[in-house]
Amino acid sequence: MTLFSEVDQDRKGRIIAHVDRRWSQLHGLEKDWGDKAYKFLLLTNSGGAIATLSFLGAFGKALNIFPAKLALFAFVAGVIFTGVGLACAYHRFARLYRCYRGDANRFFKDELQWEFVIAEDEKRSRGPSRLSTAIAYSCFGLFILGCLSGGYAVFVAAANP
């Protein structure tokens, strides 16, 4: 095994290029899958709300079934939480960009050292906050709650016409 400091300059260039490509690839994957997750949560919760509204409209007695109301609430709350999660993600990335741009500009004016710029960017770029993670998983939990409540409501309504 060879340490980076022991590698010749030509190989260092190839290693750095490989690391840059891999970081870019992993960043793209993270972004793509994050986008897919939020689209999935928005679509499923919206679809659940529409299906529940259709059920409530088609079967008037369902308006008196608590699990049907709970299902509608869960799906609508899931849509709202998805929007909140997207807003949090947008503001996080906007802040990362704004801070990095500011630090880079200060570096070019000789106000900051490069090591400080990198260290600050690494601090800011750590994973998502616990709140953001909780919001994302809440969206999925609300979808599951809506499905279970809605399914129960359908079976209760079907058993007691």
N, C-alpha and C. Protein backbone atom coordinates (compact mmCIF):
# COMPACT_ATOMS: atom_id res chain seq x y z
N MET A 1 0.84 -1.19 0.00
CA MET A 1 0.00 0.00 0.00
C MET A 1 0.89 1.24 0.00
N THR A 2 0.43 2.21 -0.75
CA THR A 2 1.22 3.43 -0.89
C THR A 2 0.43 4.61 -0.37
N LEU A 3 1.09 5.46 0.37
CA LEU A 3 0.47 6.69 0.85
C LEU A 3 0.53 7.73 -0.26
N PHE A 4 -0.40 8.66 -0.22
CA PHE A 4 -0.48 9.70 -1.25
C PHE A 4 0.83 10.49 -1.35
N SER A 5 1.44 10.78 -0.22
CA SER A 5 2.69 11.57 -0.22
C SER A 5 3.84 10.82 -0.87
N GLU A 6 3.74 9.51 -1.00
CA GLU A 6 4.81 8.70 -1.59
C GLU A 6 4.64 8.49 -3.09
N VAL A 7 3.54 8.96 -3.66
CA VAL A 7 3.23 8.73 -5.07
C VAL A 7 3.91 9.81 -5.92
N ASP A 8 4.39 9.42 -7.12
CA ASP A 8 5.04 10.40 -8.00
C ASP A 8 3.99 11.36 -8.56
N GLN A 9 4.44 12.50 -9.06
CA GLN A 9 3.56 13.59 -9.50
C GLN A 9 2.59 13.15 -10.60
N ASP A 10 3.06 12.36 -11.56
CA ASP A 10 2.19 11.92 -12.64
C ASP A 10 1.02 11.08 -12.11
N ARG A 11 1.35 10.16 -11.23
CA ARG A 11 0.30 9.31 -10.65
C ARG A 11 -0.62 10.11 -9.74
N LYS A 12 -0.08 11.10 -9.01
CA LYS A 12 -0.91 11.96 -8.17
C LYS A 12 -1.98 12.65 -9.01
N GLY A 13 -1.60 13.13 -10.18
CA GLY A 13 -2.55 13.78 -11.08
C GLY A 13 -3.68 12.83 -11.47
N ARG A 14 -3.32 11.59 -11.79
CA ARG A 14 -4.34 10.60 -12.16
C ARG A 14 -5.24 10.26 -10.98
N ILE A 15 -4.66 10.17 -9.80
CA ILE A 15 -5.45 9.86 -8.59
C ILE A 15 -6.41 11.00 -8.30
N ILE A 16 -5.92 12.21 -8.36
CA ILE A 16 -6.79 13.37 -8.11
C ILE A 16 -7.92 13.43 -9.13
N ALA A 17 -7.61 13.17 -10.39
CA ALA A 17 -8.66 13.16 -11.43
C ALA A 17 -9.70 12.07 -11.14
N HIS A 18 -9.23 10.91 -10.69
CA HIS A 18 -10.15 9.82 -10.34
C HIS A 18 -11.04 10.22 -9.16
N VAL A 19 -10.45 10.81 -8.14
CA VAL A 19 -11.22 11.24 -6.96
C VAL A 19 -12.26 12.28 -7.37
N ASP A 20 -11.87 13.23 -8.20
CA ASP A 20 -12.82 14.26 -8.67
C ASP A 20 -13.98 13.64 -9.43
N ARG A 21 -13.68 12.69 -10.33
CA ARG A 21 -14.75 12.01 -11.10
C ARG A 21 -15.69 11.25 -10.16
N ARG A 22 -15.09 10.54 -9.20
CA ARG A 22 -15.90 9.73 -8.28
C ARG A 22 -16.77 10.62 -7.40
N TRP A 23 -16.22 11.71 -6.89
CA TRP A 23 -17.01 12.63 -6.07
C TRP A 23 -18.15 13.21 -6.90
N SER A 24 -17.87 13.56 -8.12
CA SER A 24 -18.91 14.11 -8.99
C SER A 24 -20.00 13.06 -9.24
N GLN A 25 -19.58 11.83 -9.48
CA GLN A 25 -20.54 10.74 -9.71
C GLN A 25 -21.41 10.52 -8.47
N LEU A 26 -20.80 10.44 -7.31
CA LEU A 26 -21.56 10.18 -6.08
C LEU A 26 -22.48 11.35 -5.75
N HIS A 27 -22.02 12.58 -6.00
CA HIS A 27 -22.87 13.75 -5.77
C HIS A 27 -24.10 13.69 -6.70
N GLY A 28 -23.87 13.34 -7.96
CA GLY A 28 -24.99 13.22 -8.90
C GLY A 28 -25.98 12.15 -8.47
N LEU A 29 -25.47 11.01 -8.00
CA LEU A 29 -26.36 9.95 -7.52
C LEU A 29 -27.17 10.40 -6.32
N GLU A 30 -26.51 11.08 -5.38
CA GLU A 30 -27.22 11.56 -4.19
C GLU A 30 -28.33 12.53 -4.59
N LYS A 31 -28.02 13.45 -5.49
CA LYS A 31 -29.01 14.43 -5.93
C LYS A 31 -30.16 13.75 -6.67
N ASP A 32 -29.84 12.86 -7.59
CA ASP A 32 -30.88 12.17 -8.36
C ASP A 32 -31.81 11.37 -7.47
N TRP A 33 -31.24 10.61 -6.56
CA TRP A 33 -32.08 9.77 -5.70
C TRP A 33 -32.87 10.60 -4.68
N GLY A 34 -32.30 11.71 -4.24
CA GLY A 34 -33.06 12.61 -3.37
C GLY A 34 -34.26 13.18 -4.11
N ASP A 35 -34.05 13.59 -5.37
CA ASP A 35 -35.16 14.10 -6.18
C ASP A 35 -36.22 13.03 -6.38
N LYS A 36 -35.78 11.82 -6.68
CA LYS A 36 -36.73 10.72 -6.89
C LYS A 36 -37.53 10.43 -5.63
N ALA A 37 -36.88 10.47 -4.48
CA ALA A 37 -37.57 10.19 -3.22
C ALA A 37 -38.67 11.22 -2.97
N TYR A 38 -38.36 12.51 -3.16
CA TYR A 38 -39.39 13.53 -2.92
C TYR A 38 -40.51 13.45 -3.95
N LYS A 39 -40.19 13.14 -5.19
CA LYS A 39 -41.24 12.97 -6.21
C LYS A 39 -42.14 11.79 -5.84
N PHE A 40 -41.53 10.70 -5.40
CA PHE A 40 -42.30 9.53 -4.98
C PHE A 40 -43.24 9.86 -3.83
N LEU A 41 -42.70 10.54 -2.82
CA LEU A 41 -43.52 10.89 -1.66
C LEU A 41 -44.66 11.83 -2.02
N LEU A 42 -44.39 12.79 -2.89
CA LEU A 42 -45.43 13.72 -3.31
C LEU A 42 -46.50 12.99 -4.12
N LEU A 43 -46.07 12.15 -5.03
CA LEU A 43 -47.01 11.41 -5.88
C LEU A 43 -47.86 10.44 -5.06
N THR A 44 -47.25 9.68 -4.18
CA THR A 44 -48.01 8.68 -3.43
C THR A 44 -48.97 9.33 -2.44
N ASN A 45 -48.52 10.36 -1.74
CA ASN A 45 -49.42 11.02 -0.79
C ASN A 45 -50.55 11.75 -1.52
N SER A 46 -50.24 12.38 -2.65
CA SER A 46 -51.29 13.05 -3.43
C SER A 46 -52.29 12.03 -3.96
N GLY A 47 -51.77 10.93 -4.48
CA GLY A 47 -52.65 9.88 -4.99
C GLY A 47 -53.53 9.29 -3.89
N GLY A 48 -52.94 9.11 -2.72
CA GLY A 48 -53.72 8.61 -1.58
C GLY A 48 -54.82 9.58 -1.18
N ALA A 49 -54.52 10.88 -1.19
CA ALA A 49 -55.53 11.88 -0.85
C ALA A 49 -56.66 11.87 -1.87
N ILE A 50 -56.31 11.76 -3.15
CA ILE A 50 -57.33 11.73 -4.20
C ILE A 50 -58.20 10.48 -4.07
N ALA A 51 -57.56 9.34 -3.84
CA ALA A 51 -58.33 8.09 -3.69
C ALA A 51 -59.25 8.16 -2.48
N THR A 52 -58.77 8.72 -1.39
CA THR A 52 -59.60 8.83 -0.18
C THR A 52 -60.77 9.78 -0.42
N LEU A 53 -60.52 10.89 -1.07
CA LEU A 53 -61.61 11.81 -1.40
C LEU A 53 -62.65 11.16 -2.30
N SER A 54 -62.18 10.36 -3.25
CA SER A 54 -63.11 9.64 -4.14
C SER A 54 -63.95 8.65 -3.34
N PHE A 55 -63.31 7.94 -2.43
CA PHE A 55 -64.02 6.99 -1.57
C PHE A 55 -65.07 7.70 -0.71
N LEU A 56 -64.65 8.81 -0.11
CA LEU A 56 -65.59 9.57 0.73
C LEU A 56 -66.76 10.11 -0.08
N GLY A 57 -66.49 10.54 -1.31
CA GLY A 57 -67.56 11.07 -2.16
C GLY A 57 -68.49 9.99 -2.68
N ALA A 58 -67.94 8.81 -2.95
CA ALA A 58 -68.76 7.74 -3.53
C ALA A 58 -69.55 6.97 -2.48
N PHE A 59 -69.08 6.98 -1.28
CA PHE A 59 -69.72 6.20 -0.23
C PHE A 59 -70.00 7.14 0.94
N GLY A 60 -71.16 7.75 0.94
CA GLY A 60 -71.51 8.78 1.91
C GLY A 60 -71.35 8.35 3.36
N LYS A 61 -71.60 7.08 3.64
CA LYS A 61 -71.48 6.58 5.01
C LYS A 61 -70.03 6.65 5.51
N ALA A 62 -69.09 6.70 4.57
CA ALA A 62 -67.67 6.74 4.95
C ALA A 62 -67.31 8.02 5.68
N LEU A 63 -68.12 9.06 5.50
CA LEU A 63 -67.84 10.32 6.19
C LEU A 63 -67.91 10.17 7.70
N ASN A 64 -68.61 9.13 8.15
CA ASN A 64 -68.74 8.88 9.59
C ASN A 64 -67.73 7.86 10.11
N ILE A 65 -66.85 7.42 9.25
CA ILE A 65 -65.86 6.42 9.66
C ILE A 65 -64.55 7.15 9.96
N PHE A 66 -64.14 7.11 11.22
CA PHE A 66 -62.95 7.85 11.64
C PHE A 66 -61.69 7.47 10.85
N PRO A 67 -61.43 6.16 10.61
CA PRO A 67 -60.21 5.82 9.87
C PRO A 67 -60.17 6.44 8.47
N ALA A 68 -61.31 6.66 7.84
CA ALA A 68 -61.31 7.30 6.52
C ALA A 68 -60.86 8.75 6.64
N LYS A 69 -61.34 9.43 7.67
CA LYS A 69 -60.91 10.81 7.91
C LYS A 69 -59.42 10.86 8.26
N LEU A 70 -58.97 9.89 9.06
CA LEU A 70 -57.56 9.82 9.43
C LEU A 70 -56.69 9.60 8.19
N ALA A 71 -57.15 8.73 7.29
CA ALA A 71 -56.40 8.48 6.06
C ALA A 71 -56.26 9.76 5.24
N LEU A 72 -57.35 10.50 5.09
CA LEU A 72 -57.29 11.75 4.34
C LEU A 72 -56.33 12.73 5.01
N PHE A 73 -56.43 12.85 6.32
CA PHE A 73 -55.53 13.74 7.06
C PHE A 73 -54.08 13.33 6.86
N ALA A 74 -53.79 12.04 6.95
CA ALA A 74 -52.41 11.55 6.82
C ALA A 74 -51.86 11.85 5.42
N PHE A 75 -52.65 11.61 4.39
CA PHE A 75 -52.17 11.87 3.03
C PHE A 75 -51.94 13.36 2.79
N VAL A 76 -52.86 14.18 3.23
CA VAL A 76 -52.70 15.64 3.05
C VAL A 76 -51.49 16.13 3.86
N ALA A 77 -51.35 15.64 5.09
CA ALA A 77 -50.19 16.03 5.90
C ALA A 77 -48.90 15.56 5.22
N GLY A 78 -48.93 14.39 4.59
CA GLY A 78 -47.77 13.89 3.85
C GLY A 78 -47.39 14.81 2.71
N VAL A 79 -48.39 15.33 1.99
CA VAL A 79 -48.12 16.29 0.91
C VAL A 79 -47.50 17.57 1.49
N ILE A 80 -48.06 18.05 2.58
CA ILE A 80 -47.54 19.27 3.20
C ILE A 80 -46.11 19.06 3.69
N PHE A 81 -45.85 17.95 4.38
CA PHE A 81 -44.50 17.68 4.87
C PHE A 81 -43.51 17.52 3.73
N THR A 82 -43.96 16.96 2.61
CA THR A 82 -43.08 16.85 1.44
C THR A 82 -42.67 18.24 0.97
N GLY A 83 -43.62 19.15 0.92
CA GLY A 83 -43.30 20.53 0.55
C GLY A 83 -42.34 21.18 1.52
N VAL A 84 -42.55 20.95 2.80
CA VAL A 84 -41.64 21.50 3.82
C VAL A 84 -40.24 20.90 3.65
N GLY A 85 -40.18 19.61 3.39
CA GLY A 85 -38.89 18.95 3.18
C GLY A 85 -38.16 19.51 1.97
N LEU A 86 -38.89 19.73 0.89
CA LEU A 86 -38.28 20.32 -0.31
C LEU A 86 -37.78 21.74 -0.02
N ALA A 87 -38.55 22.50 0.72
CA ALA A 87 -38.13 23.87 1.07
C ALA A 87 -36.87 23.84 1.93
N CYS A 88 -36.82 22.93 2.88
CA CYS A 88 -35.62 22.80 3.73
C CYS A 88 -34.40 22.44 2.89
N ALA A 89 -34.57 21.50 1.96
CA ALA A 89 -33.46 21.09 1.11
C ALA A 89 -32.99 22.26 0.24
N TYR A 90 -33.94 22.98 -0.34
CA TYR A 90 -33.57 24.13 -1.17
C TYR A 90 -32.76 25.14 -0.36
N HIS A 91 -33.24 25.49 0.82
CA HIS A 91 -32.55 26.50 1.63
C HIS A 91 -31.17 26.01 2.09
N ARG A 92 -31.05 24.72 2.36
CA ARG A 92 -29.75 24.17 2.75
C ARG A 92 -28.75 24.34 1.62
N PHE A 93 -29.15 23.95 0.40
CA PHE A 93 -28.22 24.02 -0.73
C PHE A 93 -27.96 25.46 -1.16
N ALA A 94 -28.97 26.31 -1.04
CA ALA A 94 -28.76 27.72 -1.36
C ALA A 94 -27.75 28.33 -0.39
N ARG A 95 -27.85 27.96 0.87
CA ARG A 95 -26.90 28.47 1.88
C ARG A 95 -25.50 27.95 1.59
N LEU A 96 -25.36 26.67 1.24
CA LEU A 96 -24.04 26.12 0.90
C LEU A 96 -23.41 26.91 -0.24
N TYR A 97 -24.18 27.16 -1.28
CA TYR A 97 -23.68 27.89 -2.44
C TYR A 97 -23.30 29.32 -2.06
N ARG A 98 -24.19 29.99 -1.35
CA ARG A 98 -23.95 31.39 -0.97
C ARG A 98 -22.69 31.51 -0.10
N CYS A 99 -22.54 30.63 0.87
CA CYS A 99 -21.38 30.69 1.77
C CYS A 99 -20.09 30.34 1.03
N TYR A 100 -20.14 29.32 0.18
CA TYR A 100 -18.94 28.95 -0.56
C TYR A 100 -18.53 30.06 -1.53
N ARG A 101 -19.51 30.64 -2.20
CA ARG A 101 -19.22 31.74 -3.13
C ARG A 101 -18.59 32.90 -2.37
N GLY A 102 -19.14 33.23 -1.22
CA GLY A 102 -18.59 34.32 -0.41
C GLY A 102 -17.17 34.02 0.06
N ASP A 103 -16.94 32.80 0.53
CA ASP A 103 -15.59 32.44 0.98
C ASP A 103 -14.60 32.45 -0.18
N ALA A 104 -15.02 31.93 -1.34
CA ALA A 104 -14.13 31.93 -2.51
C ALA A 104 -13.79 33.36 -2.93
N ASN A 105 -14.77 34.23 -2.94
CA ASN A 105 -14.50 35.63 -3.29
C ASN A 105 -13.54 36.27 -2.29
N ARG A 106 -13.72 35.98 -1.02
CA ARG A 106 -12.81 36.52 0.00
C ARG A 106 -11.40 35.93 -0.16
N PHE A 107 -11.33 34.66 -0.57
CA PHE A 107 -10.02 34.05 -0.84
C PHE A 107 -9.32 34.78 -1.99
N PHE A 108 -10.06 35.06 -3.08
CA PHE A 108 -9.47 35.74 -4.23
C PHE A 108 -9.04 37.17 -3.90
N LYS A 109 -9.61 37.75 -2.86
CA LYS A 109 -9.21 39.09 -2.41
C LYS A 109 -8.12 39.02 -1.33
N ASP A 110 -7.58 37.82 -1.11
CA ASP A 110 -6.55 37.58 -0.09
C ASP A 110 -7.02 37.87 1.33
N GLU A 111 -8.31 37.68 1.57
CA GLU A 111 -8.84 37.87 2.91
C GLU A 111 -8.90 36.57 3.70
N LEU A 112 -8.88 35.42 2.99
CA LEU A 112 -8.92 34.11 3.64
C LEU A 112 -7.85 33.21 3.05
N GLN A 113 -7.43 32.22 3.84
CA GLN A 113 -6.52 31.21 3.33
C GLN A 113 -7.33 30.04 2.76
N TRP A 114 -6.76 29.36 1.76
CA TRP A 114 -7.45 28.28 1.08
C TRP A 114 -7.86 27.17 2.04
N GLU A 115 -6.99 26.83 2.96
CA GLU A 115 -7.30 25.77 3.92
C GLU A 115 -8.53 26.12 4.75
N PHE A 116 -8.70 27.39 5.08
CA PHE A 116 -9.88 27.83 5.83
C PHE A 116 -11.13 27.68 4.97
N VAL A 117 -11.05 28.06 3.70
CA VAL A 117 -12.20 27.94 2.79
C VAL A 117 -12.65 26.48 2.72
N ILE A 118 -11.69 25.58 2.54
CA ILE A 118 -12.01 24.15 2.44
C ILE A 118 -12.59 23.62 3.76
N ALA A 119 -11.98 23.99 4.87
CA ALA A 119 -12.45 23.52 6.18
C ALA A 119 -13.88 23.99 6.46
N GLU A 120 -14.16 25.25 6.17
CA GLU A 120 -15.51 25.78 6.40
C GLU A 120 -16.53 25.09 5.49
N ASP A 121 -16.15 24.85 4.23
CA ASP A 121 -17.06 24.18 3.30
C ASP A 121 -17.34 22.75 3.76
N GLU A 122 -16.32 22.07 4.26
CA GLU A 122 -16.53 20.71 4.75
C GLU A 122 -17.45 20.69 5.96
N LYS A 123 -17.31 21.66 6.85
CA LYS A 123 -18.20 21.75 8.02
C LYS A 123 -19.64 21.95 7.58
N ARG A 124 -19.84 22.87 6.65
CA ARG A 124 -21.21 23.17 6.18
C ARG A 124 -21.81 22.03 5.37
N SER A 125 -20.96 21.22 4.72
CA SER A 125 -21.43 20.20 3.79
C SER A 125 -21.71 18.86 4.45
N ARG A 126 -21.56 18.78 5.75
CA ARG A 126 -21.87 17.50 6.41
C ARG A 126 -23.30 17.12 6.10
N GLY A 127 -23.65 15.89 6.35
CA GLY A 127 -24.95 15.35 5.99
C GLY A 127 -26.13 16.20 6.42
N PRO A 128 -27.33 15.78 6.01
CA PRO A 128 -28.53 16.56 6.35
C PRO A 128 -28.76 16.59 7.86
N SER A 129 -29.47 17.59 8.31
CA SER A 129 -29.77 17.71 9.73
C SER A 129 -30.74 16.62 10.16
N ARG A 130 -30.82 16.40 11.44
CA ARG A 130 -31.77 15.42 11.97
C ARG A 130 -33.20 15.84 11.65
N LEU A 131 -33.44 17.16 11.67
CA LEU A 131 -34.78 17.65 11.35
C LEU A 131 -35.16 17.33 9.92
N SER A 132 -34.25 17.55 8.97
CA SER A 132 -34.53 17.24 7.57
C SER A 132 -34.80 15.76 7.37
N THR A 133 -34.00 14.94 8.03
CA THR A 133 -34.19 13.48 7.94
C THR A 133 -35.53 13.08 8.55
N ALA A 134 -35.88 13.67 9.68
CA ALA A 134 -37.16 13.36 10.33
C ALA A 134 -38.33 13.78 9.45
N ILE A 135 -38.23 14.93 8.80
CA ILE A 135 -39.30 15.39 7.91
C ILE A 135 -39.47 14.42 6.75
N ALA A 136 -38.36 14.00 6.14
CA ALA A 136 -38.44 13.08 5.01
C ALA A 136 -39.09 11.75 5.41
N TYR A 137 -38.67 11.20 6.53
CA TYR A 137 -39.25 9.93 6.96
C TYR A 137 -40.68 10.10 7.47
N SER A 138 -41.02 11.28 7.97
CA SER A 138 -42.40 11.55 8.37
C SER A 138 -43.34 11.47 7.17
N CYS A 139 -42.88 11.97 6.03
CA CYS A 139 -43.69 11.90 4.80
C CYS A 139 -44.04 10.45 4.48
N PHE A 140 -43.05 9.59 4.58
CA PHE A 140 -43.29 8.19 4.29
C PHE A 140 -44.15 7.54 5.37
N GLY A 141 -43.91 7.89 6.63
CA GLY A 141 -44.74 7.37 7.72
C GLY A 141 -46.19 7.78 7.58
N LEU A 142 -46.43 9.02 7.15
CA LEU A 142 -47.80 9.49 6.94
C LEU A 142 -48.46 8.73 5.79
N PHE A 143 -47.69 8.40 4.76
CA PHE A 143 -48.23 7.60 3.67
C PHE A 143 -48.65 6.22 4.17
N ILE A 144 -47.80 5.60 4.97
CA ILE A 144 -48.13 4.27 5.53
C ILE A 144 -49.37 4.37 6.41
N LEU A 145 -49.44 5.39 7.27
CA LEU A 145 -50.61 5.60 8.13
C LEU A 145 -51.87 5.77 7.28
N GLY A 146 -51.76 6.57 6.23
CA GLY A 146 -52.90 6.79 5.35
C GLY A 146 -53.35 5.50 4.68
N CYS A 147 -52.41 4.70 4.23
CA CYS A 147 -52.75 3.41 3.59
C CYS A 147 -53.44 2.47 4.57
N LEU A 148 -52.87 2.35 5.75
CA LEU A 148 -53.46 1.45 6.75
C LEU A 148 -54.85 1.92 7.19
N SER A 149 -54.98 3.22 7.45
CA SER A 149 -56.28 3.76 7.87
C SER A 149 -57.31 3.65 6.75
N GLY A 150 -56.88 3.98 5.54
CA GLY A 150 -57.79 3.89 4.40
C GLY A 150 -58.22 2.46 4.13
N GLY A 151 -57.26 1.54 4.20
CA GLY A 151 -57.61 0.13 4.00
C GLY A 151 -58.58 -0.37 5.05
N TYR A 152 -58.35 0.01 6.28
CA TYR A 152 -59.26 -0.37 7.36
C TYR A 152 -60.65 0.23 7.13
N ALA A 153 -60.68 1.48 6.71
CA ALA A 153 -61.97 2.14 6.46
C ALA A 153 -62.75 1.43 5.35
N VAL A 154 -62.04 1.02 4.31
CA VAL A 154 -62.71 0.32 3.20
C VAL A 154 -63.30 -1.00 3.69
N PHE A 155 -62.55 -1.73 4.48
CA PHE A 155 -63.05 -3.02 4.94
C PHE A 155 -64.18 -2.86 5.96
N VAL A 156 -64.12 -1.84 6.81
CA VAL A 156 -65.19 -1.58 7.76
C VAL A 156 -66.46 -1.18 7.00
N ALA A 157 -66.31 -0.31 6.03
CA ALA A 157 -67.45 0.16 5.25
C ALA A 157 -68.05 -0.99 4.43
N ALA A 158 -67.20 -1.83 3.89
CA ALA A 158 -67.70 -2.95 3.09
C ALA A 158 -68.39 -3.98 3.96
N ALA A 159 -67.93 -4.16 5.19
CA ALA A 159 -68.54 -5.15 6.09
C ALA A 159 -69.84 -4.65 6.70
N ASN A 160 -70.04 -3.35 6.79
CA ASN A 160 -71.24 -2.77 7.38
C ASN A 160 -71.91 -1.80 6.40
N PRO A 161 -72.54 -2.33 5.33
CA PRO A 161 -73.13 -1.43 4.33
C PRO A 161 -74.25 -0.60 4.82
